Amino acid sequence: MPMPEESIQQGKCYATGGAENYKVVNITRGIVTYVVFTKGQKAQPLRINAGVKHFAAAVTKEVMCPAEG
């Protein structure tokens, strides 16, 4: 089930239901900038943008973010 758009917050991580999770690095004017990480691994350096509605529809729940470093 998709998450409500108002639940998406900067600095939080979200599960997609698959092997990849997303960490939100910024939200500006309805655009979510996020990085992808595979469960148990560091986030990839590539940042991706999506509308908050599309992002919320793609994630299923909030999860713990991977340790930095």
N, C-alpha and C. Protein backbone atom coordinates (compact mmCIF):
# COMPACT_ATOMS: atom_id res chain seq x y z
N MET A 1 0.84 -1.18 0.00
CA MET A 1 0.00 0.00 0.00
C MET A 1 0.88 1.24 0.00
N PRO A 2 0.61 2.20 -0.84
CA PRO A 2 1.43 3.42 -0.88
C PRO A 2 1.32 4.23 0.41
N MET A 3 2.33 5.03 0.64
CA MET A 3 2.34 5.89 1.82
C MET A 3 1.65 7.21 1.51
N PRO A 4 1.09 7.88 2.53
CA PRO A 4 0.54 9.22 2.32
C PRO A 4 1.67 10.20 1.99
N GLU A 5 1.40 11.11 1.07
CA GLU A 5 2.42 12.08 0.65
C GLU A 5 2.98 12.88 1.82
N GLU A 6 2.13 13.25 2.79
CA GLU A 6 2.58 14.06 3.93
C GLU A 6 3.49 13.30 4.88
N SER A 7 3.60 11.97 4.72
CA SER A 7 4.48 11.16 5.56
C SER A 7 5.93 11.18 5.08
N ILE A 8 6.16 11.57 3.84
CA ILE A 8 7.50 11.58 3.28
C ILE A 8 8.27 12.76 3.87
N GLN A 9 9.44 12.46 4.50
CA GLN A 9 10.23 13.50 5.16
C GLN A 9 11.70 13.39 4.79
N GLN A 10 12.34 14.54 4.72
CA GLN A 10 13.77 14.62 4.45
C GLN A 10 14.55 13.90 5.54
N GLY A 11 15.58 13.15 5.15
CA GLY A 11 16.44 12.44 6.10
C GLY A 11 15.94 11.06 6.49
N LYS A 12 14.74 10.70 6.06
CA LYS A 12 14.18 9.38 6.39
C LYS A 12 14.40 8.41 5.23
N CYS A 13 14.30 7.12 5.55
CA CYS A 13 14.48 6.08 4.55
C CYS A 13 13.18 5.28 4.41
N TYR A 14 12.96 4.79 3.21
CA TYR A 14 11.70 4.12 2.90
C TYR A 14 11.94 2.86 2.10
N ALA A 15 11.14 1.82 2.38
CA ALA A 15 11.22 0.55 1.66
C ALA A 15 10.34 0.61 0.42
N THR A 16 10.77 -0.11 -0.60
CA THR A 16 9.99 -0.17 -1.84
C THR A 16 9.22 -1.47 -1.97
N GLY A 17 9.49 -2.41 -1.10
CA GLY A 17 8.87 -3.73 -1.22
C GLY A 17 9.77 -4.70 -1.97
N GLY A 18 10.84 -4.20 -2.55
CA GLY A 18 11.82 -5.03 -3.27
C GLY A 18 13.16 -4.98 -2.55
N ALA A 19 14.24 -5.18 -3.29
CA ALA A 19 15.58 -5.20 -2.71
C ALA A 19 16.13 -3.80 -2.46
N GLU A 20 15.56 -2.80 -3.10
CA GLU A 20 16.07 -1.43 -2.95
C GLU A 20 15.24 -0.63 -1.97
N ASN A 21 15.94 0.25 -1.25
CA ASN A 21 15.30 1.22 -0.37
C ASN A 21 15.77 2.60 -0.80
N TYR A 22 15.06 3.64 -0.37
CA TYR A 22 15.38 5.01 -0.74
C TYR A 22 15.61 5.86 0.49
N LYS A 23 16.61 6.75 0.42
CA LYS A 23 16.83 7.74 1.47
C LYS A 23 16.55 9.11 0.87
N VAL A 24 15.64 9.85 1.49
CA VAL A 24 15.27 11.18 1.02
C VAL A 24 16.33 12.17 1.50
N VAL A 25 16.97 12.87 0.57
CA VAL A 25 17.99 13.85 0.93
C VAL A 25 17.48 15.28 0.86
N ASN A 26 16.37 15.50 0.14
CA ASN A 26 15.82 16.85 0.05
C ASN A 26 14.40 16.79 -0.50
N ILE A 27 13.58 17.74 -0.06
CA ILE A 27 12.25 17.92 -0.64
C ILE A 27 12.08 19.42 -0.87
N THR A 28 11.91 19.80 -2.13
CA THR A 28 11.74 21.21 -2.50
C THR A 28 10.60 21.35 -3.48
N ARG A 29 9.61 22.17 -3.13
CA ARG A 29 8.46 22.46 -4.00
C ARG A 29 7.84 21.20 -4.61
N GLY A 30 7.66 20.18 -3.78
CA GLY A 30 7.00 18.97 -4.23
C GLY A 30 7.88 18.00 -4.99
N ILE A 31 9.19 18.27 -5.05
CA ILE A 31 10.14 17.37 -5.71
C ILE A 31 11.00 16.71 -4.64
N VAL A 32 11.02 15.38 -4.65
CA VAL A 32 11.80 14.60 -3.70
C VAL A 32 13.11 14.21 -4.37
N THR A 33 14.23 14.53 -3.73
CA THR A 33 15.54 14.08 -4.19
C THR A 33 15.97 12.97 -3.25
N TYR A 34 16.32 11.82 -3.83
CA TYR A 34 16.65 10.67 -3.00
C TYR A 34 17.81 9.87 -3.59
N VAL A 35 18.40 9.01 -2.75
CA VAL A 35 19.43 8.08 -3.17
C VAL A 35 18.91 6.67 -2.92
N VAL A 36 19.42 5.73 -3.69
CA VAL A 36 19.01 4.34 -3.60
C VAL A 36 20.06 3.56 -2.83
N PHE A 37 19.61 2.67 -1.95
CA PHE A 37 20.54 1.73 -1.33
C PHE A 37 19.89 0.35 -1.27
N THR A 38 20.74 -0.66 -1.42
CA THR A 38 20.28 -2.03 -1.31
C THR A 38 20.36 -2.42 0.15
N LYS A 39 19.41 -3.17 0.62
CA LYS A 39 19.36 -3.55 2.03
C LYS A 39 20.72 -4.05 2.50
N GLY A 40 21.21 -3.47 3.60
CA GLY A 40 22.49 -3.86 4.18
C GLY A 40 23.70 -3.21 3.54
N GLN A 41 23.52 -2.28 2.60
CA GLN A 41 24.65 -1.65 1.94
C GLN A 41 24.52 -0.13 1.99
N LYS A 42 25.62 0.55 1.64
CA LYS A 42 25.62 2.01 1.60
C LYS A 42 24.78 2.53 0.44
N ALA A 43 24.35 3.77 0.58
CA ALA A 43 23.59 4.42 -0.49
C ALA A 43 24.48 4.65 -1.70
N GLN A 44 23.90 4.57 -2.88
CA GLN A 44 24.61 4.87 -4.12
C GLN A 44 24.82 6.38 -4.23
N PRO A 45 25.86 6.84 -4.90
CA PRO A 45 26.12 8.28 -4.97
C PRO A 45 25.17 9.05 -5.90
N LEU A 46 24.49 8.37 -6.81
CA LEU A 46 23.60 9.02 -7.76
C LEU A 46 22.32 9.48 -7.07
N ARG A 47 21.95 10.74 -7.25
CA ARG A 47 20.70 11.28 -6.70
C ARG A 47 19.64 11.29 -7.79
N ILE A 48 18.43 10.97 -7.38
CA ILE A 48 17.31 10.87 -8.31
C ILE A 48 16.20 11.80 -7.83
N ASN A 49 15.49 12.42 -8.76
CA ASN A 49 14.37 13.30 -8.42
C ASN A 49 13.05 12.67 -8.87
N ALA A 50 12.01 12.89 -8.06
CA ALA A 50 10.66 12.45 -8.41
C ALA A 50 9.67 13.35 -7.70
N GLY A 51 8.50 13.47 -8.26
CA GLY A 51 7.44 14.20 -7.58
C GLY A 51 7.05 13.45 -6.32
N VAL A 52 6.62 14.19 -5.31
CA VAL A 52 6.29 13.57 -4.03
C VAL A 52 5.15 12.57 -4.18
N LYS A 53 4.21 12.83 -5.05
CA LYS A 53 3.09 11.90 -5.27
C LYS A 53 3.60 10.59 -5.85
N HIS A 54 4.47 10.66 -6.84
CA HIS A 54 5.04 9.47 -7.46
C HIS A 54 5.91 8.71 -6.45
N PHE A 55 6.74 9.44 -5.68
CA PHE A 55 7.61 8.81 -4.69
C PHE A 55 6.78 8.07 -3.65
N ALA A 56 5.75 8.73 -3.11
CA ALA A 56 4.90 8.13 -2.08
C ALA A 56 4.21 6.87 -2.61
N ALA A 57 3.86 6.86 -3.87
CA ALA A 57 3.21 5.69 -4.47
C ALA A 57 4.18 4.52 -4.63
N ALA A 58 5.49 4.82 -4.69
CA ALA A 58 6.50 3.78 -4.91
C ALA A 58 7.01 3.13 -3.63
N VAL A 59 6.79 3.77 -2.48
CA VAL A 59 7.31 3.24 -1.22
C VAL A 59 6.17 2.68 -0.37
N THR A 60 6.54 1.76 0.53
CA THR A 60 5.52 1.08 1.32
C THR A 60 5.57 1.38 2.81
N LYS A 61 6.78 1.69 3.33
CA LYS A 61 6.90 1.97 4.76
C LYS A 61 8.24 2.63 5.05
N GLU A 62 8.35 3.28 6.21
CA GLU A 62 9.61 3.87 6.66
C GLU A 62 10.48 2.77 7.24
N VAL A 63 11.79 2.82 6.99
CA VAL A 63 12.74 1.84 7.50
C VAL A 63 13.94 2.56 8.10
N MET A 64 14.76 1.83 8.83
CA MET A 64 16.01 2.38 9.38
C MET A 64 16.97 2.70 8.24
N CYS A 65 17.61 3.85 8.33
CA CYS A 65 18.62 4.21 7.34
C CYS A 65 19.92 3.48 7.64
N PRO A 66 20.72 3.20 6.60
CA PRO A 66 22.01 2.54 6.81
C PRO A 66 22.96 3.47 7.54
N ALA A 67 23.89 2.90 8.27
CA ALA A 67 24.89 3.69 8.98
C ALA A 67 25.77 4.43 7.97
N GLU A 68 26.07 5.67 8.29
CA GLU A 68 26.95 6.48 7.43
C GLU A 68 28.41 6.11 7.74
N GLY A 69 29.24 6.17 6.71
CA GLY A 69 30.67 5.98 6.95
C GLY A 69 31.21 4.71 6.50
